[in-house]
């Protein structure tokens, strides 16, 4: 995912602070795959996303990633993904997909966090593999402003 754009879902801040739905330092964050552009303004839960079909090495709901929180500095709190996801097609193809979507798998409604647009659709043919290079990606960065 060398050329990619990250987009946060609008619902995330309200879900986190207004509703208390996220505790990402302990919750499980997963990455689901879609080939339909999410709508950051209106999508809020995993069922709002058009996920690719499960099978051939892709599990419905996607794969978990490790998230760590950095020490807040100067009123800015940042959470960073520390693991990549490696997918291997077996017994058929995976995809196409263009949008890895991060969501909170621990939350009952599977509330959305953000997604990446990797710029072009990818299809993995039987035996091919792909690494979603997420290690070092900022999942959230929040600053308190007056």
C-alpha atoms as a PDB file:
ATOM      1  CA  UNK A   1       0.000   0.000   0.000  1.00  0.00           C
ATOM      2  CA  UNK A   2       2.728   2.429  -0.942  1.00  0.00           C
ATOM      3  CA  UNK A   3       0.362   4.992  -2.512  1.00  0.00           C
ATOM      4  CA  UNK A   4      -2.688   5.293  -0.312  1.00  0.00           C
ATOM      5  CA  UNK A   5      -5.008   7.786   1.253  1.00  0.00           C
ATOM      6  CA  UNK A   6      -6.410   7.385   4.781  1.00  0.00           C
ATOM      7  CA  UNK A   7      -9.935   8.621   5.511  1.00  0.00           C
ATOM      8  CA  UNK A   8     -11.489   8.629   8.992  1.00  0.00           C
ATOM      9  CA  UNK A   9     -15.183   7.862   9.420  1.00  0.00           C
ATOM     10  CA  UNK A  10     -17.084  10.867  10.783  1.00  0.00           C
ATOM     11  CA  UNK A  11     -18.837   8.701  13.388  1.00  0.00           C
ATOM     12  CA  UNK A  12     -15.583   7.732  15.109  1.00  0.00           C
ATOM     13  CA  UNK A  13     -15.186  10.742  17.420  1.00  0.00           C
ATOM     14  CA  UNK A  14     -18.822  10.635  18.576  1.00  0.00           C
ATOM     15  CA  UNK A  15     -18.642   6.853  19.024  1.00  0.00           C
ATOM     16  CA  UNK A  16     -15.450   7.246  21.078  1.00  0.00           C
ATOM     17  CA  UNK A  17     -16.234  10.199  23.291  1.00  0.00           C
ATOM     18  CA  UNK A  18     -19.992  10.681  23.110  1.00  0.00           C
ATOM     19  CA  UNK A  19     -20.975   7.024  23.326  1.00  0.00           C
ATOM     20  CA  UNK A  20     -17.886   5.395  24.856  1.00  0.00           C
ATOM     21  CA  UNK A  21     -17.844   2.594  22.271  1.00  0.00           C
ATOM     22  CA  UNK A  22     -14.088   2.405  21.684  1.00  0.00           C
ATOM     23  CA  UNK A  23     -11.233   1.421  23.999  1.00  0.00           C
ATOM     24  CA  UNK A  24      -8.751   0.725  21.220  1.00  0.00           C
ATOM     25  CA  UNK A  25      -5.837   0.014  23.538  1.00  0.00           C
ATOM     26  CA  UNK A  26      -7.685  -3.177  24.556  1.00  0.00           C
ATOM     27  CA  UNK A  27     -10.318  -3.722  21.825  1.00  0.00           C
ATOM     28  CA  UNK A  28      -9.660  -5.875  18.762  1.00  0.00           C
ATOM     29  CA  UNK A  29      -9.199  -3.849  15.573  1.00  0.00           C
ATOM     30  CA  UNK A  30      -9.749  -5.695  12.306  1.00  0.00           C
ATOM     31  CA  UNK A  31      -9.284  -4.791   8.655  1.00  0.00           C
ATOM     32  CA  UNK A  32     -12.052  -5.867   6.279  1.00  0.00           C
ATOM     33  CA  UNK A  33     -11.698  -5.552   2.503  1.00  0.00           C
ATOM     34  CA  UNK A  34     -14.097  -3.840   0.112  1.00  0.00           C
ATOM     35  CA  UNK A  35     -14.110  -2.896  -3.533  1.00  0.00           C
ATOM     36  CA  UNK A  36     -16.862  -0.306  -3.049  1.00  0.00           C
ATOM     37  CA  UNK A  37     -15.816   3.138  -1.805  1.00  0.00           C
ATOM     38  CA  UNK A  38     -17.035   3.674   1.766  1.00  0.00           C
ATOM     39  CA  UNK A  39     -18.893   6.879   2.611  1.00  0.00           C
ATOM     40  CA  UNK A  40     -17.002   8.523   5.481  1.00  0.00           C
ATOM     41  CA  UNK A  41     -19.935  10.819   6.268  1.00  0.00           C
ATOM     42  CA  UNK A  42     -22.671   8.196   6.561  1.00  0.00           C
ATOM     43  CA  UNK A  43     -21.154   4.723   7.088  1.00  0.00           C
ATOM     44  CA  UNK A  44     -20.901   3.859  10.789  1.00  0.00           C
ATOM     45  CA  UNK A  45     -20.794   0.066  11.269  1.00  0.00           C
ATOM     46  CA  UNK A  46     -19.339  -2.887   9.393  1.00  0.00           C
ATOM     47  CA  UNK A  47     -22.690  -3.832   7.842  1.00  0.00           C
ATOM     48  CA  UNK A  48     -22.649  -0.450   6.046  1.00  0.00           C
ATOM     49  CA  UNK A  49     -19.590  -1.646   4.099  1.00  0.00           C
ATOM     50  CA  UNK A  50     -19.791  -3.878   1.025  1.00  0.00           C
ATOM     51  CA  UNK A  51     -17.222  -6.474   2.056  1.00  0.00           C
ATOM     52  CA  UNK A  52     -15.673  -8.805  -0.525  1.00  0.00           C
ATOM     53  CA  UNK A  53     -16.805 -12.433  -0.501  1.00  0.00           C
ATOM     54  CA  UNK A  54     -15.195 -14.740   2.024  1.00  0.00           C
ATOM     55  CA  UNK A  55     -13.242 -17.723   0.768  1.00  0.00           C
ATOM     56  CA  UNK A  56     -10.002 -18.745  -0.908  1.00  0.00           C
ATOM     57  CA  UNK A  57      -7.950 -17.389   2.002  1.00  0.00           C
ATOM     58  CA  UNK A  58     -10.059 -14.371   2.947  1.00  0.00           C
ATOM     59  CA  UNK A  59     -12.126 -14.665   6.123  1.00  0.00           C
ATOM     60  CA  UNK A  60     -15.359 -12.686   6.489  1.00  0.00           C
ATOM     61  CA  UNK A  61     -14.653  -9.709   8.724  1.00  0.00           C
ATOM     62  CA  UNK A  62     -10.991  -9.604   7.756  1.00  0.00           C
ATOM     63  CA  UNK A  63      -7.895  -9.924   9.901  1.00  0.00           C
ATOM     64  CA  UNK A  64      -6.895  -8.439  13.239  1.00  0.00           C
ATOM     65  CA  UNK A  65      -4.064  -5.925  13.514  1.00  0.00           C
ATOM     66  CA  UNK A  66      -2.041  -4.920  16.541  1.00  0.00           C
ATOM     67  CA  UNK A  67      -2.598  -1.354  17.709  1.00  0.00           C
ATOM     68  CA  UNK A  68      -0.445   0.492  20.229  1.00  0.00           C
ATOM     69  CA  UNK A  69      -0.952   3.872  21.761  1.00  0.00           C
ATOM     70  CA  UNK A  70       1.840   6.386  21.766  1.00  0.00           C
ATOM     71  CA  UNK A  71       2.395   8.582  24.766  1.00  0.00           C
ATOM     72  CA  UNK A  72       0.417  11.757  24.309  1.00  0.00           C
ATOM     73  CA  UNK A  73       2.630  14.724  23.602  1.00  0.00           C
ATOM     74  CA  UNK A  74       1.533  18.341  23.800  1.00  0.00           C
ATOM     75  CA  UNK A  75      -2.137  17.394  23.983  1.00  0.00           C
ATOM     76  CA  UNK A  76      -1.994  15.105  20.917  1.00  0.00           C
ATOM     77  CA  UNK A  77      -2.809  11.413  21.370  1.00  0.00           C
ATOM     78  CA  UNK A  78      -1.889   9.000  18.576  1.00  0.00           C
ATOM     79  CA  UNK A  79      -2.628   5.309  18.020  1.00  0.00           C
ATOM     80  CA  UNK A  80      -0.459   3.414  15.564  1.00  0.00           C
ATOM     81  CA  UNK A  81      -0.897   0.043  13.837  1.00  0.00           C
ATOM     82  CA  UNK A  82       2.151  -2.129  14.473  1.00  0.00           C
ATOM     83  CA  UNK A  83       1.443  -5.132  12.241  1.00  0.00           C
ATOM     84  CA  UNK A  84       1.020  -5.849   8.541  1.00  0.00           C
ATOM     85  CA  UNK A  85      -1.553  -8.226   7.058  1.00  0.00           C
ATOM     86  CA  UNK A  86      -0.392 -10.904   4.619  1.00  0.00           C
ATOM     87  CA  UNK A  87      -3.074 -12.495   2.441  1.00  0.00           C
ATOM     88  CA  UNK A  88      -2.558 -15.562   0.286  1.00  0.00           C
ATOM     89  CA  UNK A  89      -5.137 -16.806  -2.213  1.00  0.00           C
ATOM     90  CA  UNK A  90      -5.638 -20.555  -1.999  1.00  0.00           C
ATOM     91  CA  UNK A  91      -8.111 -22.566  -4.057  1.00  0.00           C
ATOM     92  CA  UNK A  92      -9.221 -19.538  -6.079  1.00  0.00           C
ATOM     93  CA  UNK A  93      -8.931 -15.775  -6.138  1.00  0.00           C
ATOM     94  CA  UNK A  94      -9.418 -13.087  -3.483  1.00  0.00           C
ATOM     95  CA  UNK A  95     -10.953  -9.816  -4.579  1.00  0.00           C
ATOM     96  CA  UNK A  96     -10.968  -7.519  -6.260  1.00  0.00           C
ATOM     97  CA  UNK A  97     -10.528  -5.065  -3.385  1.00  0.00           C
ATOM     98  CA  UNK A  98      -9.392  -1.459  -3.154  1.00  0.00           C
ATOM     99  CA  UNK A  99     -10.438  -0.325   0.325  1.00  0.00           C
ATOM    100  CA  UNK A 100      -9.043  -1.874   3.533  1.00  0.00           C
ATOM    101  CA  UNK A 101     -11.492  -0.783   6.252  1.00  0.00           C
ATOM    102  CA  UNK A 102     -10.529  -0.582   9.955  1.00  0.00           C
ATOM    103  CA  UNK A 103     -13.238  -1.294  12.493  1.00  0.00           C
ATOM    104  CA  UNK A 104     -13.640  -2.216  16.157  1.00  0.00           C
ATOM    105  CA  UNK A 105     -14.431  -5.932  16.270  1.00  0.00           C
ATOM    106  CA  UNK A 106     -14.995  -5.817  20.047  1.00  0.00           C
ATOM    107  CA  UNK A 107     -17.849  -3.295  19.743  1.00  0.00           C
ATOM    108  CA  UNK A 108     -21.216  -5.049  19.412  1.00  0.00           C
ATOM    109  CA  UNK A 109     -22.074  -3.204  16.179  1.00  0.00           C
ATOM    110  CA  UNK A 110     -18.521  -3.461  14.733  1.00  0.00           C
ATOM    111  CA  UNK A 111     -18.156   0.345  14.641  1.00  0.00           C
ATOM    112  CA  UNK A 112     -15.988   1.822  11.890  1.00  0.00           C
ATOM    113  CA  UNK A 113     -12.747   3.740  12.443  1.00  0.00           C
ATOM    114  CA  UNK A 114     -11.283   4.598   9.028  1.00  0.00           C
ATOM    115  CA  UNK A 115     -10.247   3.219   5.660  1.00  0.00           C
ATOM    116  CA  UNK A 116      -7.493   3.465   3.079  1.00  0.00           C
ATOM    117  CA  UNK A 117      -7.913   3.947  -0.661  1.00  0.00           C
ATOM    118  CA  UNK A 118      -5.017   2.033  -2.207  1.00  0.00           C
ATOM    119  CA  UNK A 119      -5.663   3.649  -5.584  1.00  0.00           C
ATOM    120  CA  UNK A 120      -6.487   0.627  -7.720  1.00  0.00           C
ATOM    121  CA  UNK A 121      -8.374  -2.637  -7.322  1.00  0.00           C
ATOM    122  CA  UNK A 122      -6.281  -5.706  -6.511  1.00  0.00           C
ATOM    123  CA  UNK A 123      -7.191  -9.317  -7.259  1.00  0.00           C
ATOM    124  CA  UNK A 124      -5.051 -12.130  -5.881  1.00  0.00           C
ATOM    125  CA  UNK A 125      -5.057 -15.199  -8.084  1.00  0.00           C
ATOM    126  CA  UNK A 126      -4.666 -18.696  -6.642  1.00  0.00           C
ATOM    127  CA  UNK A 127      -1.223 -18.940  -5.007  1.00  0.00           C
ATOM    128  CA  UNK A 128      -0.514 -15.196  -5.074  1.00  0.00           C
ATOM    129  CA  UNK A 129      -0.002 -13.197  -1.905  1.00  0.00           C
ATOM    130  CA  UNK A 130      -0.245  -9.565  -0.947  1.00  0.00           C
ATOM    131  CA  UNK A 131       0.976  -7.648   2.068  1.00  0.00           C
ATOM    132  CA  UNK A 132      -1.129  -4.759   3.328  1.00  0.00           C
ATOM    133  CA  UNK A 133       1.709  -2.706   4.775  1.00  0.00           C
ATOM    134  CA  UNK A 134      -0.009  -1.187   7.779  1.00  0.00           C
ATOM    135  CA  UNK A 135       2.807  -1.229  10.345  1.00  0.00           C
ATOM    136  CA  UNK A 136       3.558   2.368  11.277  1.00  0.00           C
ATOM    137  CA  UNK A 137       0.222   3.681   9.972  1.00  0.00           C
ATOM    138  CA  UNK A 138      -1.519   6.169  12.243  1.00  0.00           C
ATOM    139  CA  UNK A 139      -4.998   4.864  13.001  1.00  0.00           C
ATOM    140  CA  UNK A 140      -6.080   7.938  14.943  1.00  0.00           C
ATOM    141  CA  UNK A 141      -4.510  11.183  16.033  1.00  0.00           C
ATOM    142  CA  UNK A 142      -6.556  13.361  18.333  1.00  0.00           C
ATOM    143  CA  UNK A 143      -5.763  16.799  19.681  1.00  0.00           C
ATOM    144  CA  UNK A 144      -7.655  18.704  22.311  1.00  0.00           C
ATOM    145  CA  UNK A 145      -8.458  22.209  21.154  1.00  0.00           C
ATOM    146  CA  UNK A 146     -10.168  24.958  23.123  1.00  0.00           C
END
